[in-house]
Amino acid sequence: MRKLLVTAFVSLDGVMQAPGGPEEDPTGGFRYGGWTFNYFDDAVGNVMGGIFNEPYELLLGRKTYEIFAAHWPYQKDDPFAAALTNVKKYVVTSSRAPLAWNNSVAIHDVANDIVRLKREVGPTLMTQGSSELIQALLKHDLVDRFTLLVFPLVLGKGKRLFGEGTIPGGFKLLDAKTSPSGVTISTYERAGAIKPGSFAADKPSAEELARRERMKQEG
């Protein structure tokens, strides 16, 4: 069974919309497209290069696929562009229109089709961008590992990595580093259910008990 890796650029407040440029995704009135540009140092580039040097197949939402397909096939002198063109790309879409970019395969049922793909023998399935697709993956609890590149800025509004459909769960930190520009790069893998505990006193005060009752009523 192969793993599904979500690699995402996110702000401190969890926004992942349009990291690459102003025209990438201005939907919802988003005004800060290209917010990663001034922080993208050699250390960040090396991390991304290492990720793409491992065997993988891409899992993309339709909008991210269209961004990639309108750009990478036309970068003729870029070896990374050639790699993206040649790699298998699974595209989650409701459209039945053909996918023109080489090695692109449409997926119409997230839950069933991606479970099937994960059961196959093959390289890691890896997302890029695809915020709407990620929400579906989180809702169906299909993500095995996250590599999050957290940039030192807040954006206030925009499409977020973890939405309301996220299933609660624990993760184990596998690796963490910080780039000279202040980007924190962390990799997490699934670590089971959340295990709550409590720092409360064994014998809470009368005031504390009364506070708890007020909180129940407010709930």
Protein backbone atom coordinates (compact mmCIF):
# COMPACT_ATOMS: atom_id res chain seq x y z
CA MET A 1 0.00 0.00 0.00
CA ARG A 2 1.46 3.33 -0.96
CA LYS A 3 1.37 6.56 1.02
CA LEU A 4 -0.30 9.87 0.24
CA LEU A 5 1.85 12.93 0.98
CA VAL A 6 0.46 16.46 1.17
CA THR A 7 3.18 19.04 0.52
CA ALA A 8 1.93 22.58 1.10
CA PHE A 9 3.13 26.17 1.34
CA VAL A 10 1.16 27.86 4.12
CA SER A 11 1.17 31.16 5.98
CA LEU A 12 1.30 31.37 9.77
CA ASP A 13 -2.49 31.63 9.79
CA GLY A 14 -2.88 28.55 7.59
CA VAL A 15 -3.62 30.14 4.19
CA MET A 16 -2.30 28.32 1.12
CA GLN A 17 -3.98 30.26 -1.69
CA ALA A 18 -1.94 31.52 -4.65
CA PRO A 19 1.61 31.18 -3.28
CA GLY A 20 3.23 31.55 -6.70
CA GLY A 21 1.89 34.79 -8.18
CA PRO A 22 -0.91 37.39 -8.31
CA GLU A 23 -2.68 35.77 -11.27
CA GLU A 24 -2.54 32.24 -9.88
CA ASP A 25 -5.82 32.33 -7.92
CA PRO A 26 -7.41 35.71 -7.15
CA THR A 27 -10.82 34.17 -6.36
CA GLY A 28 -12.64 35.56 -3.34
CA GLY A 29 -10.82 38.86 -3.77
CA PHE A 30 -7.48 37.43 -2.64
CA ARG A 31 -4.90 40.20 -3.06
CA TYR A 32 -1.62 38.66 -1.93
CA GLY A 33 -0.80 36.14 -4.65
CA GLY A 34 2.93 35.45 -4.81
CA TRP A 35 3.47 35.69 -1.05
CA THR A 36 6.18 32.99 -1.03
CA PHE A 37 8.44 34.75 -3.56
CA ASN A 38 10.60 36.85 -1.23
CA TYR A 39 11.20 33.93 1.16
CA PHE A 40 12.12 31.27 -1.41
CA ASP A 41 15.79 30.83 -0.58
CA ASP A 42 18.21 28.03 -1.49
CA ALA A 43 17.28 25.99 1.57
CA VAL A 44 13.60 25.95 0.55
CA GLY A 45 14.60 25.09 -3.00
CA ASN A 46 16.76 22.21 -1.79
CA VAL A 47 13.94 20.79 0.29
CA MET A 48 11.55 20.89 -2.66
CA GLY A 49 14.21 19.40 -4.91
CA GLY A 50 14.68 16.54 -2.46
CA ILE A 51 10.94 15.86 -2.36
CA PHE A 52 10.73 15.70 -6.14
CA ASN A 53 13.82 13.51 -6.39
CA GLU A 54 11.96 10.68 -4.66
CA PRO A 55 9.67 8.44 -6.77
CA TYR A 56 6.19 9.96 -6.89
CA GLU A 57 2.99 10.40 -8.86
CA LEU A 58 1.03 13.64 -8.68
CA LEU A 59 -2.49 13.97 -7.31
CA LEU A 60 -3.96 17.32 -8.34
CA GLY A 61 -7.21 19.22 -8.13
CA ARG A 62 -8.56 20.52 -11.42
CA LYS A 63 -7.61 24.18 -10.81
CA THR A 64 -4.02 23.37 -9.86
CA TYR A 65 -3.77 21.03 -12.85
CA GLU A 66 -4.85 23.89 -15.12
CA ILE A 67 -2.24 26.22 -13.57
CA PHE A 68 0.49 23.63 -14.11
CA ALA A 69 -0.68 22.65 -17.61
CA ALA A 70 -0.67 26.28 -18.73
CA HIS A 71 2.89 26.80 -17.52
CA TRP A 72 5.19 23.80 -17.27
CA PRO A 73 4.85 22.30 -20.78
CA TYR A 74 6.10 25.62 -22.19
CA GLN A 75 9.30 25.76 -20.09
CA LYS A 76 11.34 23.88 -22.66
CA ASP A 77 14.77 24.36 -21.09
CA ASP A 78 13.73 23.39 -17.55
CA PRO A 79 14.46 19.75 -16.59
CA PHE A 80 11.85 19.98 -13.81
CA ALA A 81 9.25 20.87 -16.44
CA ALA A 82 10.14 17.73 -18.39
CA ALA A 83 9.84 15.64 -15.23
CA LEU A 84 6.36 17.01 -14.51
CA THR A 85 5.27 16.35 -18.07
CA ASN A 86 6.45 12.75 -17.94
CA VAL A 87 5.17 11.81 -14.47
CA LYS A 88 1.71 10.26 -14.01
CA LYS A 89 -0.80 12.91 -12.96
CA TYR A 90 -4.14 11.97 -11.38
CA VAL A 91 -6.56 14.88 -11.66
CA VAL A 92 -9.66 15.05 -9.46
CA THR A 93 -12.35 16.76 -11.50
CA SER A 94 -16.09 16.74 -12.09
CA SER A 95 -15.52 17.60 -15.75
CA ARG A 96 -15.57 14.94 -18.47
CA ALA A 97 -13.48 17.08 -20.81
CA PRO A 98 -10.25 15.38 -21.96
CA LEU A 99 -6.99 16.20 -20.21
CA ALA A 100 -4.48 17.27 -22.85
CA TRP A 101 -1.27 17.28 -20.80
CA ASN A 102 0.80 14.12 -21.20
CA ASN A 103 0.19 11.26 -18.69
CA SER A 104 -2.88 12.88 -17.10
CA VAL A 105 -5.69 10.66 -15.82
CA ALA A 106 -9.05 11.97 -14.60
CA ILE A 107 -10.52 10.89 -11.24
CA HIS A 108 -14.18 11.55 -10.48
CA ASP A 109 -14.70 9.81 -7.13
CA VAL A 110 -12.25 10.96 -4.44
CA ALA A 111 -13.10 8.42 -1.77
CA ASN A 112 -13.21 5.26 -3.90
CA ASP A 113 -10.65 6.07 -6.59
CA ILE A 114 -7.96 7.33 -4.24
CA VAL A 115 -8.43 4.43 -1.83
CA ARG A 116 -7.96 2.16 -4.85
CA LEU A 117 -4.81 4.03 -5.91
CA LYS A 118 -3.36 3.80 -2.41
CA ARG A 119 -3.86 0.04 -2.40
CA GLU A 120 -1.83 -0.35 -5.57
CA VAL A 121 1.90 -0.98 -5.65
CA GLY A 122 3.66 2.16 -6.76
CA PRO A 123 5.39 5.37 -5.74
CA THR A 124 4.11 7.91 -3.23
CA LEU A 125 1.06 9.90 -4.27
CA MET A 126 1.84 13.59 -3.75
CA THR A 127 -0.33 16.68 -3.91
CA GLN A 128 0.80 20.14 -4.92
CA GLY A 129 -1.49 23.10 -4.23
CA SER A 130 -5.03 21.75 -4.71
CA SER A 131 -6.63 23.25 -1.60
CA GLU A 132 -10.13 22.01 -2.46
CA LEU A 133 -8.88 18.49 -3.13
CA ILE A 134 -7.01 18.51 0.18
CA GLN A 135 -10.27 19.27 1.99
CA ALA A 136 -11.78 16.13 0.46
CA LEU A 137 -8.70 14.09 1.39
CA LEU A 138 -8.90 15.33 5.00
CA LYS A 139 -12.64 14.66 5.17
CA HIS A 140 -12.07 11.04 4.13
CA ASP A 141 -8.94 10.67 6.31
CA LEU A 142 -6.71 9.73 3.36
CA VAL A 143 -3.52 11.70 4.16
CA ASP A 144 -0.60 9.68 5.57
CA ARG A 145 2.06 12.39 5.76
CA PHE A 146 2.37 16.18 5.61
CA THR A 147 5.37 18.26 4.62
CA LEU A 148 4.46 21.83 5.55
CA LEU A 149 6.53 24.85 4.59
CA VAL A 150 5.26 27.60 6.89
CA PHE A 151 6.18 31.12 5.77
CA PRO A 152 6.63 33.91 8.34
CA LEU A 153 3.67 36.09 7.43
CA VAL A 154 -0.10 36.23 7.99
CA LEU A 155 -2.58 36.74 5.16
CA GLY A 156 -5.83 37.20 7.04
CA LYS A 157 -8.09 35.57 4.47
CA GLY A 158 -7.88 32.97 1.76
CA LYS A 159 -8.16 29.24 1.17
CA ARG A 160 -6.81 27.33 4.16
CA LEU A 161 -5.06 24.01 4.53
CA PHE A 162 -7.20 22.65 7.37
CA GLY A 163 -10.90 23.29 6.86
CA GLU A 164 -14.03 22.37 8.79
CA GLY A 165 -14.16 18.84 7.40
CA THR A 166 -10.80 17.84 8.88
CA ILE A 167 -10.97 14.67 10.98
CA PRO A 168 -9.11 15.16 14.30
CA GLY A 169 -6.01 13.02 14.70
CA GLY A 170 -2.48 12.92 16.05
CA PHE A 171 0.72 13.24 14.03
CA LYS A 172 4.35 12.50 14.78
CA LEU A 173 7.05 15.01 13.83
CA LEU A 174 9.63 13.28 11.61
CA ASP A 175 11.83 16.19 10.65
CA ALA A 176 12.04 19.96 11.16
CA LYS A 177 14.33 22.68 9.91
CA THR A 178 14.28 26.43 9.35
CA SER A 179 15.55 28.23 6.26
CA PRO A 180 17.60 31.45 6.48
CA SER A 181 14.55 33.43 5.34
CA GLY A 182 12.51 32.08 8.26
CA VAL A 183 10.49 29.34 6.54
CA THR A 184 9.90 26.42 8.90
CA ILE A 185 9.82 23.07 7.13
CA SER A 186 8.25 20.20 9.04
CA THR A 187 7.27 16.66 8.08
CA TYR A 188 4.62 14.76 10.02
CA GLU A 189 3.18 11.26 9.74
CA ARG A 190 -0.03 9.85 11.15
CA ALA A 191 0.15 8.80 14.80
CA GLY A 192 -3.37 7.62 15.64
CA ALA A 193 -6.22 9.23 17.50
CA ILE A 194 -5.93 12.25 19.80
CA LYS A 195 -5.39 11.24 23.43
CA PRO A 196 -6.63 14.06 25.67
CA GLY A 197 -5.33 14.60 29.21
CA SER A 198 -5.91 17.16 31.92
CA PHE A 199 -3.87 19.48 34.13
CA ALA A 200 -6.89 20.15 36.35
CA ALA A 201 -6.68 19.63 40.09
CA ASP A 202 -7.98 16.32 41.45
CA LYS A 203 -10.29 18.25 43.77
CA PRO A 204 -11.47 21.37 41.92
CA SER A 205 -12.59 24.38 43.92
CA ALA A 206 -16.23 25.37 44.28
CA GLU A 207 -15.48 28.37 42.07
CA GLU A 208 -14.05 26.06 39.40
CA LEU A 209 -17.10 23.78 39.54
CA ALA A 210 -19.37 26.80 39.16
CA ARG A 211 -17.29 28.01 36.19
CA ARG A 212 -17.68 24.64 34.49
CA GLU A 213 -21.44 24.80 34.88
CA ARG A 214 -21.49 28.25 33.31
CA MET A 215 -19.44 26.97 30.39
CA LYS A 216 -21.88 24.09 29.82
CA GLN A 217 -24.73 26.57 29.59
CA GLU A 218 -22.83 28.74 27.15
CA GLY A 219 -21.89 25.72 25.01
